Amino acid sequence: MPYYLFIWDDDNEGHIAEHGVTMDEFEEVVCDPDSTGESRATGRPIAFGYTSTGKYLACVYDFLDESTIYPITAYEVNG
């Protein structure tokens, strides 16, 4: 499992909270994803995976460098 430094601020923390996702859940999925790709909407990296509580999340982020991540958004994927 890779190690990343996540840069959280009021904006991105509040944004994912509006979608019912916690910072811990976001970090859990990004550090141990089931799959990764590129967001169709923004072209940013996206990670998909299950949290320890069973939520299946999509997590979108930017790499600031090879080990630093700025979270953009996250949401639960249904279906």
PDB file of N, CA and C in Angstrom:
ATOM      1  N   MET A   1       0.852  -1.171   0.000  1.00  0.00           N
ATOM      2  CA  MET A   1       0.000   0.000   0.000  1.00  0.00           C
ATOM      3  C   MET A   1       0.902   1.240   0.000  1.00  0.00           C
ATOM      4  N   PRO A   2       0.649   2.172  -0.909  1.00  0.00           N
ATOM      5  CA  PRO A   2       1.492   3.377  -0.973  1.00  0.00           C
ATOM      6  C   PRO A   2       1.206   4.323   0.188  1.00  0.00           C
ATOM      7  N   TYR A   3       2.166   5.190   0.449  1.00  0.00           N
ATOM      8  CA  TYR A   3       1.979   6.235   1.450  1.00  0.00           C
ATOM      9  C   TYR A   3       1.822   7.558   0.722  1.00  0.00           C
ATOM     10  N   TYR A   4       0.765   8.284   1.049  1.00  0.00           N
ATOM     11  CA  TYR A   4       0.536   9.613   0.478  1.00  0.00           C
ATOM     12  C   TYR A   4       0.304  10.613   1.594  1.00  0.00           C
ATOM     13  N   LEU A   5       0.709  11.835   1.349  1.00  0.00           N
ATOM     14  CA  LEU A   5       0.354  12.958   2.200  1.00  0.00           C
ATOM     15  C   LEU A   5      -0.875  13.595   1.570  1.00  0.00           C
ATOM     16  N   PHE A   6      -1.962  13.684   2.327  1.00  0.00           N
ATOM     17  CA  PHE A   6      -3.203  14.284   1.838  1.00  0.00           C
ATOM     18  C   PHE A   6      -3.292  15.708   2.362  1.00  0.00           C
ATOM     19  N   ILE A   7      -3.563  16.644   1.482  1.00  0.00           N
ATOM     20  CA  ILE A   7      -3.691  18.052   1.843  1.00  0.00           C
ATOM     21  C   ILE A   7      -5.178  18.375   1.992  1.00  0.00           C
ATOM     22  N   TRP A   8      -5.600  18.550   3.226  1.00  0.00           N
ATOM     23  CA  TRP A   8      -6.995  18.864   3.525  1.00  0.00           C
ATOM     24  C   TRP A   8      -7.120  20.327   3.924  1.00  0.00           C
ATOM     25  N   ASP A   9      -8.208  20.945   3.468  1.00  0.00           N
ATOM     26  CA  ASP A   9      -8.552  22.292   3.898  1.00  0.00           C
ATOM     27  C   ASP A   9     -10.064  22.338   4.094  1.00  0.00           C
ATOM     28  N   ASP A  10     -10.568  23.466   4.534  1.00  0.00           N
ATOM     29  CA  ASP A  10     -12.006  23.572   4.799  1.00  0.00           C
ATOM     30  C   ASP A  10     -12.836  23.297   3.553  1.00  0.00           C
ATOM     31  N   ASP A  11     -12.341  23.717   2.392  1.00  0.00           N
ATOM     32  CA  ASP A  11     -13.107  23.553   1.152  1.00  0.00           C
ATOM     33  C   ASP A  11     -13.260  22.090   0.757  1.00  0.00           C
ATOM     34  N   ASN A  12     -12.148  21.370   0.634  1.00  0.00           N
ATOM     35  CA  ASN A  12     -12.292  19.986   0.166  1.00  0.00           C
ATOM     36  C   ASN A  12     -12.882  19.076   1.250  1.00  0.00           C
ATOM     37  N   GLU A  13     -12.572  19.342   2.506  1.00  0.00           N
ATOM     38  CA  GLU A  13     -13.178  18.553   3.578  1.00  0.00           C
ATOM     39  C   GLU A  13     -14.691  18.755   3.604  1.00  0.00           C
ATOM     40  N   GLY A  14     -15.122  20.005   3.490  1.00  0.00           N
ATOM     41  CA  GLY A  14     -16.549  20.299   3.478  1.00  0.00           C
ATOM     42  C   GLY A  14     -17.255  19.728   2.267  1.00  0.00           C
ATOM     43  N   HIS A  15     -16.581  19.766   1.124  1.00  0.00           N
ATOM     44  CA  HIS A  15     -17.191  19.273  -0.114  1.00  0.00           C
ATOM     45  C   HIS A  15     -17.455  17.773  -0.043  1.00  0.00           C
ATOM     46  N   ILE A  16     -16.472  16.990   0.411  1.00  0.00           N
ATOM     47  CA  ILE A  16     -16.729  15.549   0.474  1.00  0.00           C
ATOM     48  C   ILE A  16     -17.737  15.223   1.573  1.00  0.00           C
ATOM     49  N   ALA A  17     -17.753  16.021   2.646  1.00  0.00           N
ATOM     50  CA  ALA A  17     -18.735  15.804   3.715  1.00  0.00           C
ATOM     51  C   ALA A  17     -20.154  15.999   3.197  1.00  0.00           C
ATOM     52  N   GLU A  18     -20.333  16.937   2.265  1.00  0.00           N
ATOM     53  CA  GLU A  18     -21.655  17.138   1.652  1.00  0.00           C
ATOM     54  C   GLU A  18     -22.126  15.889   0.919  1.00  0.00           C
ATOM     55  N   HIS A  19     -21.188  15.052   0.505  1.00  0.00           N
ATOM     56  CA  HIS A  19     -21.508  13.802  -0.192  1.00  0.00           C
ATOM     57  C   HIS A  19     -21.521  12.608   0.761  1.00  0.00           C
ATOM     58  N   GLY A  20     -21.412  12.873   2.059  1.00  0.00           N
ATOM     59  CA  GLY A  20     -21.472  11.808   3.048  1.00  0.00           C
ATOM     60  C   GLY A  20     -20.204  10.984   3.164  1.00  0.00           C
ATOM     61  N   VAL A  21     -19.067  11.578   2.781  1.00  0.00           N
ATOM     62  CA  VAL A  21     -17.783  10.879   2.818  1.00  0.00           C
ATOM     63  C   VAL A  21     -16.874  11.575   3.832  1.00  0.00           C
ATOM     64  N   THR A  22     -16.164  10.784   4.624  1.00  0.00           N
ATOM     65  CA  THR A  22     -15.218  11.343   5.589  1.00  0.00           C
ATOM     66  C   THR A  22     -13.810  11.375   4.986  1.00  0.00           C
ATOM     67  N   MET A  23     -12.937  12.140   5.623  1.00  0.00           N
ATOM     68  CA  MET A  23     -11.538  12.178   5.192  1.00  0.00           C
ATOM     69  C   MET A  23     -10.908  10.790   5.308  1.00  0.00           C
ATOM     70  N   ASP A  24     -11.184  10.085   6.385  1.00  0.00           N
ATOM     71  CA  ASP A  24     -10.623   8.743   6.569  1.00  0.00           C
ATOM     72  C   ASP A  24     -11.081   7.793   5.466  1.00  0.00           C
ATOM     73  N   GLU A  25     -12.356   7.868   5.088  1.00  0.00           N
ATOM     74  CA  GLU A  25     -12.866   7.009   4.018  1.00  0.00           C
ATOM     75  C   GLU A  25     -12.176   7.323   2.694  1.00  0.00           C
ATOM     76  N   PHE A  26     -12.013   8.606   2.397  1.00  0.00           N
ATOM     77  CA  PHE A  26     -11.334   9.017   1.168  1.00  0.00           C
ATOM     78  C   PHE A  26      -9.919   8.443   1.129  1.00  0.00           C
ATOM     79  N   GLU A  27      -9.185   8.640   2.201  1.00  0.00           N
ATOM     80  CA  GLU A  27      -7.796   8.182   2.253  1.00  0.00           C
ATOM     81  C   GLU A  27      -7.713   6.660   2.169  1.00  0.00           C
ATOM     82  N   GLU A  28      -8.649   5.978   2.800  1.00  0.00           N
ATOM     83  CA  GLU A  28      -8.676   4.518   2.767  1.00  0.00           C
ATOM     84  C   GLU A  28      -8.812   4.006   1.332  1.00  0.00           C
ATOM     85  N   VAL A  29      -9.718   4.588   0.570  1.00  0.00           N
ATOM     86  CA  VAL A  29      -9.951   4.142  -0.805  1.00  0.00           C
ATOM     87  C   VAL A  29      -8.773   4.495  -1.708  1.00  0.00           C
ATOM     88  N   VAL A  30      -8.246   5.707  -1.589  1.00  0.00           N
ATOM     89  CA  VAL A  30      -7.140   6.123  -2.458  1.00  0.00           C
ATOM     90  C   VAL A  30      -5.880   5.298  -2.180  1.00  0.00           C
ATOM     91  N   CYS A  31      -5.647   4.946  -0.945  1.00  0.00           N
ATOM     92  CA  CYS A  31      -4.446   4.173  -0.598  1.00  0.00           C
ATOM     93  C   CYS A  31      -4.564   2.690  -0.937  1.00  0.00           C
ATOM     94  N   ASP A  32      -5.785   2.185  -1.072  1.00  0.00           N
ATOM     95  CA  ASP A  32      -5.981   0.763  -1.377  1.00  0.00           C
ATOM     96  C   ASP A  32      -7.183   0.593  -2.312  1.00  0.00           C
ATOM     97  N   PRO A  33      -7.097   1.125  -3.534  1.00  0.00           N
ATOM     98  CA  PRO A  33      -8.247   1.103  -4.438  1.00  0.00           C
ATOM     99  C   PRO A  33      -8.472  -0.267  -5.071  1.00  0.00           C
ATOM    100  N   ASP A  34      -9.723  -0.528  -5.445  1.00  0.00           N
ATOM    101  CA  ASP A  34     -10.034  -1.702  -6.266  1.00  0.00           C
ATOM    102  C   ASP A  34      -9.635  -1.439  -7.708  1.00  0.00           C
ATOM    103  N   SER A  35      -9.806  -0.182  -8.149  1.00  0.00           N
ATOM    104  CA  SER A  35      -9.398   0.208  -9.499  1.00  0.00           C
ATOM    105  C   SER A  35      -9.144   1.706  -9.529  1.00  0.00           C
ATOM    106  N   THR A  36      -8.397   2.130 -10.533  1.00  0.00           N
ATOM    107  CA  THR A  36      -8.107   3.547 -10.731  1.00  0.00           C
ATOM    108  C   THR A  36      -8.297   3.880 -12.201  1.00  0.00           C
ATOM    109  N   GLY A  37      -8.419   5.160 -12.472  1.00  0.00           N
ATOM    110  CA  GLY A  37      -8.581   5.596 -13.846  1.00  0.00           C
ATOM    111  C   GLY A  37      -8.518   7.101 -13.923  1.00  0.00           C
ATOM    112  N   GLU A  38      -9.230   7.624 -14.906  1.00  0.00           N
ATOM    113  CA  GLU A  38      -9.288   9.061 -15.140  1.00  0.00           C
ATOM    114  C   GLU A  38     -10.748   9.484 -15.139  1.00  0.00           C
ATOM    115  N   SER A  39     -11.061  10.526 -14.400  1.00  0.00           N
ATOM    116  CA  SER A  39     -12.428  11.035 -14.345  1.00  0.00           C
ATOM    117  C   SER A  39     -12.870  11.479 -15.731  1.00  0.00           C
ATOM    118  N   ARG A  40     -14.040  11.021 -16.160  1.00  0.00           N
ATOM    119  CA  ARG A  40     -14.565  11.437 -17.467  1.00  0.00           C
ATOM    120  C   ARG A  40     -14.905  12.916 -17.482  1.00  0.00           C
ATOM    121  N   ALA A  41     -15.294  13.455 -16.336  1.00  0.00           N
ATOM    122  CA  ALA A  41     -15.713  14.858 -16.272  1.00  0.00           C
ATOM    123  C   ALA A  41     -14.535  15.826 -16.258  1.00  0.00           C
ATOM    124  N   THR A  42     -13.447  15.451 -15.565  1.00  0.00           N
ATOM    125  CA  THR A  42     -12.355  16.413 -15.361  1.00  0.00           C
ATOM    126  C   THR A  42     -10.997  15.956 -15.870  1.00  0.00           C
ATOM    127  N   GLY A  43     -10.851  14.673 -16.151  1.00  0.00           N
ATOM    128  CA  GLY A  43      -9.557  14.146 -16.556  1.00  0.00           C
ATOM    129  C   GLY A  43      -8.599  13.920 -15.395  1.00  0.00           C
ATOM    130  N   ARG A  44      -9.061  14.159 -14.185  1.00  0.00           N
ATOM    131  CA  ARG A  44      -8.224  13.950 -12.998  1.00  0.00           C
ATOM    132  C   ARG A  44      -8.188  12.468 -12.630  1.00  0.00           C
ATOM    133  N   PRO A  45      -7.185  12.075 -11.838  1.00  0.00           N
ATOM    134  CA  PRO A  45      -7.151  10.694 -11.351  1.00  0.00           C
ATOM    135  C   PRO A  45      -8.379  10.397 -10.486  1.00  0.00           C
ATOM    136  N   ILE A  46      -8.862   9.158 -10.582  1.00  0.00           N
ATOM    137  CA  ILE A  46     -10.002   8.711  -9.786  1.00  0.00           C
ATOM    138  C   ILE A  46      -9.703   7.312  -9.265  1.00  0.00           C
ATOM    139  N   ALA A  47     -10.077   7.079  -8.027  1.00  0.00           N
ATOM    140  CA  ALA A  47      -9.910   5.761  -7.406  1.00  0.00           C
ATOM    141  C   ALA A  47     -11.281   5.261  -6.976  1.00  0.00           C
ATOM    142  N   PHE A  48     -11.519   3.975  -7.194  1.00  0.00           N
ATOM    143  CA  PHE A  48     -12.757   3.328  -6.781  1.00  0.00           C
ATOM    144  C   PHE A  48     -12.417   2.244  -5.772  1.00  0.00           C
ATOM    145  N   GLY A  49     -13.229   2.147  -4.728  1.00  0.00           N
ATOM    146  CA  GLY A  49     -12.992   1.083  -3.766  1.00  0.00           C
ATOM    147  C   GLY A  49     -13.981   1.103  -2.626  1.00  0.00           C
ATOM    148  N   TYR A  50     -13.921   0.035  -1.850  1.00  0.00           N
ATOM    149  CA  TYR A  50     -14.789  -0.121  -0.686  1.00  0.00           C
ATOM    150  C   TYR A  50     -14.096   0.385   0.571  1.00  0.00           C
ATOM    151  N   THR A  51     -14.875   1.027   1.415  1.00  0.00           N
ATOM    152  CA  THR A  51     -14.382   1.412   2.734  1.00  0.00           C
ATOM    153  C   THR A  51     -14.549   0.224   3.675  1.00  0.00           C
ATOM    154  N   SER A  52     -13.976   0.322   4.847  1.00  0.00           N
ATOM    155  CA  SER A  52     -14.110  -0.755   5.833  1.00  0.00           C
ATOM    156  C   SER A  52     -15.546  -0.909   6.314  1.00  0.00           C
ATOM    157  N   THR A  53     -16.374   0.118   6.084  1.00  0.00           N
ATOM    158  CA  THR A  53     -17.788   0.045   6.476  1.00  0.00           C
ATOM    159  C   THR A  53     -18.682  -0.402   5.326  1.00  0.00           C
ATOM    160  N   GLY A  54     -18.089  -0.710   4.166  1.00  0.00           N
ATOM    161  CA  GLY A  54     -18.863  -1.258   3.059  1.00  0.00           C
ATOM    162  C   GLY A  54     -19.335  -0.275   2.012  1.00  0.00           C
ATOM    163  N   LYS A  55     -19.014   1.003   2.155  1.00  0.00           N
ATOM    164  CA  LYS A  55     -19.379   1.971   1.116  1.00  0.00           C
ATOM    165  C   LYS A  55     -18.469   1.780  -0.094  1.00  0.00           C
ATOM    166  N   TYR A  56     -19.051   1.856  -1.296  1.00  0.00           N
ATOM    167  CA  TYR A  56     -18.243   1.823  -2.519  1.00  0.00           C
ATOM    168  C   TYR A  56     -18.129   3.256  -3.013  1.00  0.00           C
ATOM    169  N   LEU A  57     -16.903   3.798  -2.999  1.00  0.00           N
ATOM    170  CA  LEU A  57     -16.683   5.211  -3.288  1.00  0.00           C
ATOM    171  C   LEU A  57     -15.903   5.430  -4.573  1.00  0.00           C
ATOM    172  N   ALA A  58     -16.168   6.574  -5.177  1.00  0.00           N
ATOM    173  CA  ALA A  58     -15.332   7.140  -6.230  1.00  0.00           C
ATOM    174  C   ALA A  58     -14.670   8.368  -5.620  1.00  0.00           C
ATOM    175  N   CYS A  59     -13.351   8.435  -5.701  1.00  0.00           N
ATOM    176  CA  CYS A  59     -12.580   9.525  -5.098  1.00  0.00           C
ATOM    177  C   CYS A  59     -11.730  10.194  -6.173  1.00  0.00           C
ATOM    178  N   VAL A  60     -11.956  11.478  -6.386  1.00  0.00           N
ATOM    179  CA  VAL A  60     -11.240  12.245  -7.406  1.00  0.00           C
ATOM    180  C   VAL A  60     -10.236  13.151  -6.707  1.00  0.00           C
ATOM    181  N   TYR A  61      -9.044  13.263  -7.292  1.00  0.00           N
ATOM    182  CA  TYR A  61      -7.973  14.012  -6.637  1.00  0.00           C
ATOM    183  C   TYR A  61      -6.985  14.525  -7.668  1.00  0.00           C
ATOM    184  N   ASP A  62      -6.070  15.360  -7.212  1.00  0.00           N
ATOM    185  CA  ASP A  62      -4.929  15.818  -8.003  1.00  0.00           C
ATOM    186  C   ASP A  62      -3.655  15.398  -7.290  1.00  0.00           C
ATOM    187  N   PHE A  63      -2.644  15.014  -8.054  1.00  0.00           N
ATOM    188  CA  PHE A  63      -1.309  14.818  -7.502  1.00  0.00           C
ATOM    189  C   PHE A  63      -0.592  16.159  -7.517  1.00  0.00           C
ATOM    190  N   LEU A  64      -0.117  16.613  -6.365  1.00  0.00           N
ATOM    191  CA  LEU A  64       0.700  17.824  -6.304  1.00  0.00           C
ATOM    192  C   LEU A  64       2.158  17.480  -6.581  1.00  0.00           C
ATOM    193  N   ASP A  65       2.549  16.274  -6.202  1.00  0.00           N
ATOM    194  CA  ASP A  65       3.822  15.666  -6.590  1.00  0.00           C
ATOM    195  C   ASP A  65       3.604  14.165  -6.460  1.00  0.00           C
ATOM    196  N   GLU A  66       4.641  13.367  -6.561  1.00  0.00           N
ATOM    197  CA  GLU A  66       4.438  11.915  -6.612  1.00  0.00           C
ATOM    198  C   GLU A  66       3.886  11.308  -5.326  1.00  0.00           C
ATOM    199  N   SER A  67       3.959  12.036  -4.214  1.00  0.00           N
ATOM    200  CA  SER A  67       3.462  11.475  -2.955  1.00  0.00           C
ATOM    201  C   SER A  67       2.498  12.393  -2.204  1.00  0.00           C
ATOM    202  N   THR A  68       2.065  13.475  -2.850  1.00  0.00           N
ATOM    203  CA  THR A  68       1.159  14.427  -2.198  1.00  0.00           C
ATOM    204  C   THR A  68      -0.118  14.544  -3.017  1.00  0.00           C
ATOM    205  N   ILE A  69      -1.252  14.373  -2.333  1.00  0.00           N
ATOM    206  CA  ILE A  69      -2.557  14.368  -2.991  1.00  0.00           C
ATOM    207  C   ILE A  69      -3.428  15.479  -2.433  1.00  0.00           C
ATOM    208  N   TYR A  70      -4.092  16.192  -3.353  1.00  0.00           N
ATOM    209  CA  TYR A  70      -5.107  17.168  -2.975  1.00  0.00           C
ATOM    210  C   TYR A  70      -6.464  16.579  -3.366  1.00  0.00           C
ATOM    211  N   PRO A  71      -7.292  16.192  -2.387  1.00  0.00           N
ATOM    212  CA  PRO A  71      -8.606  15.635  -2.680  1.00  0.00           C
ATOM    213  C   PRO A  71      -9.526  16.678  -3.324  1.00  0.00           C
ATOM    214  N   ILE A  72     -10.257  16.254  -4.346  1.00  0.00           N
ATOM    215  CA  ILE A  72     -11.183  17.140  -5.056  1.00  0.00           C
ATOM    216  C   ILE A  72     -12.627  16.849  -4.660  1.00  0.00           C
ATOM    217  N   THR A  73     -13.059  15.605  -4.838  1.00  0.00           N
ATOM    218  CA  THR A  73     -14.422  15.220  -4.500  1.00  0.00           C
ATOM    219  C   THR A  73     -14.475  13.721  -4.276  1.00  0.00           C
ATOM    220  N   ALA A  74     -15.544  13.276  -3.673  1.00  0.00           N
ATOM    221  CA  ALA A  74     -15.787  11.848  -3.481  1.00  0.00           C
ATOM    222  C   ALA A  74     -17.281  11.648  -3.316  1.00  0.00           C
ATOM    223  N   TYR A  75     -17.729  10.488  -3.747  1.00  0.00           N
ATOM    224  CA  TYR A  75     -19.156  10.194  -3.648  1.00  0.00           C
ATOM    225  C   TYR A  75     -19.346   8.690  -3.663  1.00  0.00           C
ATOM    226  N   GLU A  76     -20.480   8.277  -3.087  1.00  0.00           N
ATOM    227  CA  GLU A  76     -20.805   6.863  -3.067  1.00  0.00           C
ATOM    228  C   GLU A  76     -21.361   6.468  -4.425  1.00  0.00           C
ATOM    229  N   VAL A  77     -20.884   5.351  -4.937  1.00  0.00           N
ATOM    230  CA  VAL A  77     -21.320   4.833  -6.227  1.00  0.00           C
ATOM    231  C   VAL A  77     -22.351   3.750  -5.956  1.00  0.00           C
ATOM    232  N   ASN A  78     -23.522   3.895  -6.534  1.00  0.00           N
ATOM    233  CA  ASN A  78     -24.588   2.909  -6.372  1.00  0.00           C
ATOM    234  C   ASN A  78     -24.670   2.038  -7.611  1.00  0.00           C
ATOM    235  N   GLY A  79     -25.026   0.777  -7.385  1.00  0.00           N
ATOM    236  CA  GLY A  79     -25.237  -0.122  -8.521  1.00  0.00           C
ATOM    237  C   GLY A  79     -24.082  -0.900  -8.772  1.00  0.00           C
TER     238      GLY A  79
END
